[in-house]
PDB file of N, CA and C in Angstrom:
ATOM      1  N   MET A   1      73.881 -17.148  25.736  1.00  0.00           N
ATOM      2  CA  MET A   1      73.012 -17.431  26.316  1.00  0.00           C
ATOM      3  C   MET A   1      71.763 -18.489  25.584  1.00  0.00           C
ATOM      4  N   HIS A   2      70.883 -16.818  25.001  1.00  0.00           N
ATOM      5  CA  HIS A   2      70.285 -16.595  24.685  1.00  0.00           C
ATOM      6  C   HIS A   2      69.644 -17.367  22.991  1.00  0.00           C
ATOM      7  N   PHE A   3      71.394 -17.465  22.711  1.00  0.00           N
ATOM      8  CA  PHE A   3      71.070 -17.994  21.162  1.00  0.00           C
ATOM      9  C   PHE A   3      70.871 -19.511  22.114  1.00  0.00           C
ATOM     10  N   ASP A   4      72.220 -20.339  23.016  1.00  0.00           N
ATOM     11  CA  ASP A   4      71.437 -21.565  22.669  1.00  0.00           C
ATOM     12  C   ASP A   4      70.351 -21.872  23.336  1.00  0.00           C
ATOM     13  N   VAL A   5      69.727 -21.345  23.565  1.00  0.00           N
ATOM     14  CA  VAL A   5      68.654 -21.774  23.800  1.00  0.00           C
ATOM     15  C   VAL A   5      67.539 -21.469  22.617  1.00  0.00           C
ATOM     16  N   PHE A   6      68.348 -20.651  22.342  1.00  0.00           N
ATOM     17  CA  PHE A   6      66.895 -20.622  20.729  1.00  0.00           C
ATOM     18  C   PHE A   6      67.330 -21.821  20.056  1.00  0.00           C
ATOM     19  N   SER A   7      68.661 -22.018  19.639  1.00  0.00           N
ATOM     20  CA  SER A   7      69.022 -23.499  18.973  1.00  0.00           C
ATOM     21  C   SER A   7      68.273 -24.677  19.896  1.00  0.00           C
ATOM     22  N   ALA A   8      68.379 -24.190  20.316  1.00  0.00           N
ATOM     23  CA  ALA A   8      67.460 -25.622  21.572  1.00  0.00           C
ATOM     24  C   ALA A   8      66.172 -26.045  21.273  1.00  0.00           C
ATOM     25  N   LEU A   9      65.934 -24.962  21.010  1.00  0.00           N
ATOM     26  CA  LEU A   9      64.601 -24.746  20.941  1.00  0.00           C
ATOM     27  C   LEU A   9      64.319 -25.600  19.182  1.00  0.00           C
ATOM     28  N   GLN A  10      65.629 -24.826  18.463  1.00  0.00           N
ATOM     29  CA  GLN A  10      65.211 -25.809  17.043  1.00  0.00           C
ATOM     30  C   GLN A  10      65.540 -26.698  16.791  1.00  0.00           C
ATOM     31  N   SER A  11      66.456 -27.306  17.741  1.00  0.00           N
ATOM     32  CA  SER A  11      66.573 -29.082  17.389  1.00  0.00           C
ATOM     33  C   SER A  11      65.827 -29.649  18.295  1.00  0.00           C
ATOM     34  N   ALA A  12      64.811 -28.934  19.113  1.00  0.00           N
ATOM     35  CA  ALA A  12      63.642 -29.730  19.948  1.00  0.00           C
ATOM     36  C   ALA A  12      62.633 -29.651  18.852  1.00  0.00           C
ATOM     37  N   THR A  13      62.198 -28.380  18.110  1.00  0.00           N
ATOM     38  CA  THR A  13      61.155 -28.663  16.892  1.00  0.00           C
ATOM     39  C   THR A  13      61.398 -29.323  15.482  1.00  0.00           C
ATOM     40  N   ALA A  14      62.742 -29.549  15.621  1.00  0.00           N
ATOM     41  CA  ALA A  14      63.377 -30.343  14.214  1.00  0.00           C
ATOM     42  C   ALA A  14      63.184 -32.388  15.296  1.00  0.00           C
ATOM     43  N   ALA A  15      62.820 -32.223  15.956  1.00  0.00           N
ATOM     44  CA  ALA A  15      62.938 -33.504  16.620  1.00  0.00           C
ATOM     45  C   ALA A  15      60.874 -33.794  17.287  1.00  0.00           C
ATOM     46  N   SER A  16      60.845 -33.209  16.945  1.00  0.00           N
ATOM     47  CA  SER A  16      59.003 -33.104  17.216  1.00  0.00           C
ATOM     48  C   SER A  16      58.595 -33.258  15.858  1.00  0.00           C
ATOM     49  N   LYS A  17      58.978 -32.178  14.395  1.00  0.00           N
ATOM     50  CA  LYS A  17      59.052 -32.759  13.359  1.00  0.00           C
ATOM     51  C   LYS A  17      59.109 -34.250  12.874  1.00  0.00           C
ATOM     52  N   SER A  18      59.587 -34.678  13.132  1.00  0.00           N
ATOM     53  CA  SER A  18      60.728 -35.650  12.558  1.00  0.00           C
ATOM     54  C   SER A  18      59.301 -37.627  12.882  1.00  0.00           C
ATOM     55  N   ARG A  19      59.207 -37.241  15.143  1.00  0.00           N
ATOM     56  CA  ARG A  19      58.264 -37.788  14.894  1.00  0.00           C
ATOM     57  C   ARG A  19      57.208 -37.713  15.228  1.00  0.00           C
ATOM     58  N   ALA A  20      56.814 -36.439  14.774  1.00  0.00           N
ATOM     59  CA  ALA A  20      54.951 -36.380  14.023  1.00  0.00           C
ATOM     60  C   ALA A  20      54.431 -36.901  12.686  1.00  0.00           C
ATOM     61  N   ILE A  21      55.770 -37.574  11.895  1.00  0.00           N
ATOM     62  CA  ILE A  21      56.264 -37.692  10.353  1.00  0.00           C
ATOM     63  C   ILE A  21      55.985 -39.023  10.337  1.00  0.00           C
ATOM     64  N   VAL A  22      56.809 -39.771  11.612  1.00  0.00           N
ATOM     65  CA  VAL A  22      56.524 -40.739  12.234  1.00  0.00           C
ATOM     66  C   VAL A  22      55.352 -41.419  12.375  1.00  0.00           C
ATOM     67  N   LEU A  23      55.333 -40.249  13.248  1.00  0.00           N
ATOM     68  CA  LEU A  23      53.863 -40.937  13.685  1.00  0.00           C
ATOM     69  C   LEU A  23      52.434 -40.996  12.471  1.00  0.00           C
ATOM     70  N   ASP A  24      52.362 -39.740  11.677  1.00  0.00           N
ATOM     71  CA  ASP A  24      51.797 -39.794  10.733  1.00  0.00           C
ATOM     72  C   ASP A  24      51.588 -40.182  10.060  1.00  0.00           C
ATOM     73  N   ASN A  25      52.765 -41.474   9.510  1.00  0.00           N
ATOM     74  CA  ASN A  25      53.509 -42.590   8.631  1.00  0.00           C
ATOM     75  C   ASN A  25      52.105 -43.666   9.246  1.00  0.00           C
ATOM     76  N   GLN A  26      52.595 -44.080  10.522  1.00  0.00           N
ATOM     77  CA  GLN A  26      51.944 -45.387  11.221  1.00  0.00           C
ATOM     78  C   GLN A  26      50.568 -45.094  11.070  1.00  0.00           C
ATOM     79  N   ILE A  27      50.499 -43.584  11.750  1.00  0.00           N
ATOM     80  CA  ILE A  27      48.431 -43.821  11.611  1.00  0.00           C
ATOM     81  C   ILE A  27      47.887 -43.741   9.864  1.00  0.00           C
ATOM     82  N   LYS A  28      48.697 -43.613   9.014  1.00  0.00           N
ATOM     83  CA  LYS A  28      48.202 -43.963   7.447  1.00  0.00           C
ATOM     84  C   LYS A  28      48.137 -45.246   7.674  1.00  0.00           C
ATOM     85  N   LYS A  29      49.460 -46.407   7.941  1.00  0.00           N
ATOM     86  CA  LYS A  29      49.477 -47.465   8.355  1.00  0.00           C
ATOM     87  C   LYS A  29      47.652 -47.928   8.350  1.00  0.00           C
ATOM     88  N   ASP A  30      47.644 -47.228   9.747  1.00  0.00           N
ATOM     89  CA  ASP A  30      46.989 -48.163  10.623  1.00  0.00           C
ATOM     90  C   ASP A  30      45.735 -47.449  10.885  1.00  0.00           C
ATOM     91  N   GLY A  31      45.287 -46.718   9.184  1.00  0.00           N
ATOM     92  CA  GLY A  31      44.112 -45.739   8.954  1.00  0.00           C
ATOM     93  C   GLY A  31      43.307 -46.520   9.212  1.00  0.00           C
ATOM     94  N   ARG A  32      43.167 -48.531   8.195  1.00  0.00           N
ATOM     95  CA  ARG A  32      41.957 -48.510   8.142  1.00  0.00           C
ATOM     96  C   ARG A  32      41.367 -49.108   8.985  1.00  0.00           C
ATOM     97  N   SER A  33      42.269 -49.796  10.049  1.00  0.00           N
ATOM     98  CA  SER A  33      42.099 -50.286  11.369  1.00  0.00           C
ATOM     99  C   SER A  33      41.565 -49.179  12.511  1.00  0.00           C
ATOM    100  N   PHE A  34      42.286 -48.085  12.706  1.00  0.00           N
ATOM    101  CA  PHE A  34      41.536 -47.331  13.101  1.00  0.00           C
ATOM    102  C   PHE A  34      40.163 -46.989  12.568  1.00  0.00           C
ATOM    103  N   VAL A  35      40.156 -46.597  11.603  1.00  0.00           N
ATOM    104  CA  VAL A  35      38.473 -45.535  10.877  1.00  0.00           C
ATOM    105  C   VAL A  35      37.215 -47.534  11.603  1.00  0.00           C
ATOM    106  N   ARG A  36      37.613 -48.574  11.083  1.00  0.00           N
ATOM    107  CA  ARG A  36      36.775 -50.027  11.547  1.00  0.00           C
ATOM    108  C   ARG A  36      36.849 -49.514  13.217  1.00  0.00           C
ATOM    109  N   TYR A  37      37.727 -48.771  13.897  1.00  0.00           N
ATOM    110  CA  TYR A  37      38.030 -49.005  15.256  1.00  0.00           C
ATOM    111  C   TYR A  37      36.884 -48.084  15.819  1.00  0.00           C
ATOM    112  N   SER A  38      37.301 -46.941  14.772  1.00  0.00           N
ATOM    113  CA  SER A  38      36.040 -46.462  15.385  1.00  0.00           C
ATOM    114  C   SER A  38      34.739 -45.796  14.942  1.00  0.00           C
ATOM    115  N   LYS A  39      34.415 -46.567  14.190  1.00  0.00           N
ATOM    116  CA  LYS A  39      32.870 -47.025  13.655  1.00  0.00           C
ATOM    117  C   LYS A  39      32.294 -48.444  14.445  1.00  0.00           C
ATOM    118  N   ALA A  40      33.164 -48.823  15.146  1.00  0.00           N
ATOM    119  CA  ALA A  40      32.271 -49.732  16.072  1.00  0.00           C
ATOM    120  C   ALA A  40      32.623 -49.399  17.105  1.00  0.00           C
ATOM    121  N   LEU A  41      33.993 -48.395  17.617  1.00  0.00           N
ATOM    122  CA  LEU A  41      33.483 -47.573  19.118  1.00  0.00           C
ATOM    123  C   LEU A  41      31.664 -46.596  19.270  1.00  0.00           C
ATOM    124  N   ALA A  42      31.607 -45.657  17.922  1.00  0.00           N
ATOM    125  CA  ALA A  42      30.242 -45.268  17.723  1.00  0.00           C
ATOM    126  C   ALA A  42      28.606 -45.757  17.554  1.00  0.00           C
ATOM    127  N   THR A  43      29.334 -47.238  17.206  1.00  0.00           N
ATOM    128  CA  THR A  43      28.135 -48.453  17.669  1.00  0.00           C
ATOM    129  C   THR A  43      27.922 -48.786  18.328  1.00  0.00           C
ATOM    130  N   ASN A  44      28.852 -48.540  19.665  1.00  0.00           N
ATOM    131  CA  ASN A  44      29.115 -48.747  20.599  1.00  0.00           C
ATOM    132  C   ASN A  44      28.067 -48.452  21.541  1.00  0.00           C
ATOM    133  N   GLN A  45      28.474 -47.077  21.474  1.00  0.00           N
ATOM    134  CA  GLN A  45      27.602 -46.288  22.341  1.00  0.00           C
ATOM    135  C   GLN A  45      26.962 -45.919  21.419  1.00  0.00           C
ATOM    136  N   LYS A  46      26.299 -46.026  20.525  1.00  0.00           N
ATOM    137  CA  LYS A  46      24.918 -45.541  20.629  1.00  0.00           C
ATOM    138  C   LYS A  46      24.159 -46.959  21.195  1.00  0.00           C
ATOM    139  N   MET A  47      24.866 -48.437  21.229  1.00  0.00           N
ATOM    140  CA  MET A  47      24.115 -49.426  21.763  1.00  0.00           C
ATOM    141  C   MET A  47      24.107 -49.027  23.473  1.00  0.00           C
ATOM    142  N   ILE A  48      25.464 -48.659  23.502  1.00  0.00           N
ATOM    143  CA  ILE A  48      24.989 -47.794  25.360  1.00  0.00           C
ATOM    144  C   ILE A  48      23.217 -47.350  25.508  1.00  0.00           C
ATOM    145  N   ARG A  49      23.330 -45.864  24.436  1.00  0.00           N
ATOM    146  CA  ARG A  49      22.646 -45.018  24.472  1.00  0.00           C
ATOM    147  C   ARG A  49      21.260 -45.888  24.415  1.00  0.00           C
ATOM    148  N   LYS A  50      21.022 -46.604  23.472  1.00  0.00           N
ATOM    149  CA  LYS A  50      19.464 -47.615  23.966  1.00  0.00           C
ATOM    150  C   LYS A  50      19.184 -47.832  24.769  1.00  0.00           C
ATOM    151  N   ARG A  51      20.462 -48.271  25.547  1.00  0.00           N
ATOM    152  CA  ARG A  51      20.284 -49.262  26.724  1.00  0.00           C
ATOM    153  C   ARG A  51      19.485 -48.587  27.963  1.00  0.00           C
ATOM    154  N   HIS A  52      20.637 -47.010  27.939  1.00  0.00           N
ATOM    155  CA  HIS A  52      20.165 -45.526  28.689  1.00  0.00           C
ATOM    156  C   HIS A  52      18.736 -45.736  28.458  1.00  0.00           C
ATOM    157  N   ASP A  53      17.900 -45.321  27.299  1.00  0.00           N
ATOM    158  CA  ASP A  53      16.959 -44.667  26.661  1.00  0.00           C
ATOM    159  C   ASP A  53      15.554 -45.702  27.763  1.00  0.00           C
ATOM    160  N   ARG A  54      15.992 -46.928  27.292  1.00  0.00           N
ATOM    161  CA  ARG A  54      15.021 -47.590  27.855  1.00  0.00           C
ATOM    162  C   ARG A  54      15.258 -46.997  29.874  1.00  0.00           C
TER     163      ARG A  54
END
């Protein structure tokens, strides 16, 4: 019983690791667009803050 739980946990960990690797590759692929997006978001928030300050 205990061993089954352990092996299930191990396989789940392996699955999440492979999913993380896939996600990491996707993030690297989208890295430039993400940086561009986050910069746009930051400038957008600055504009919103300026509007609030007035």
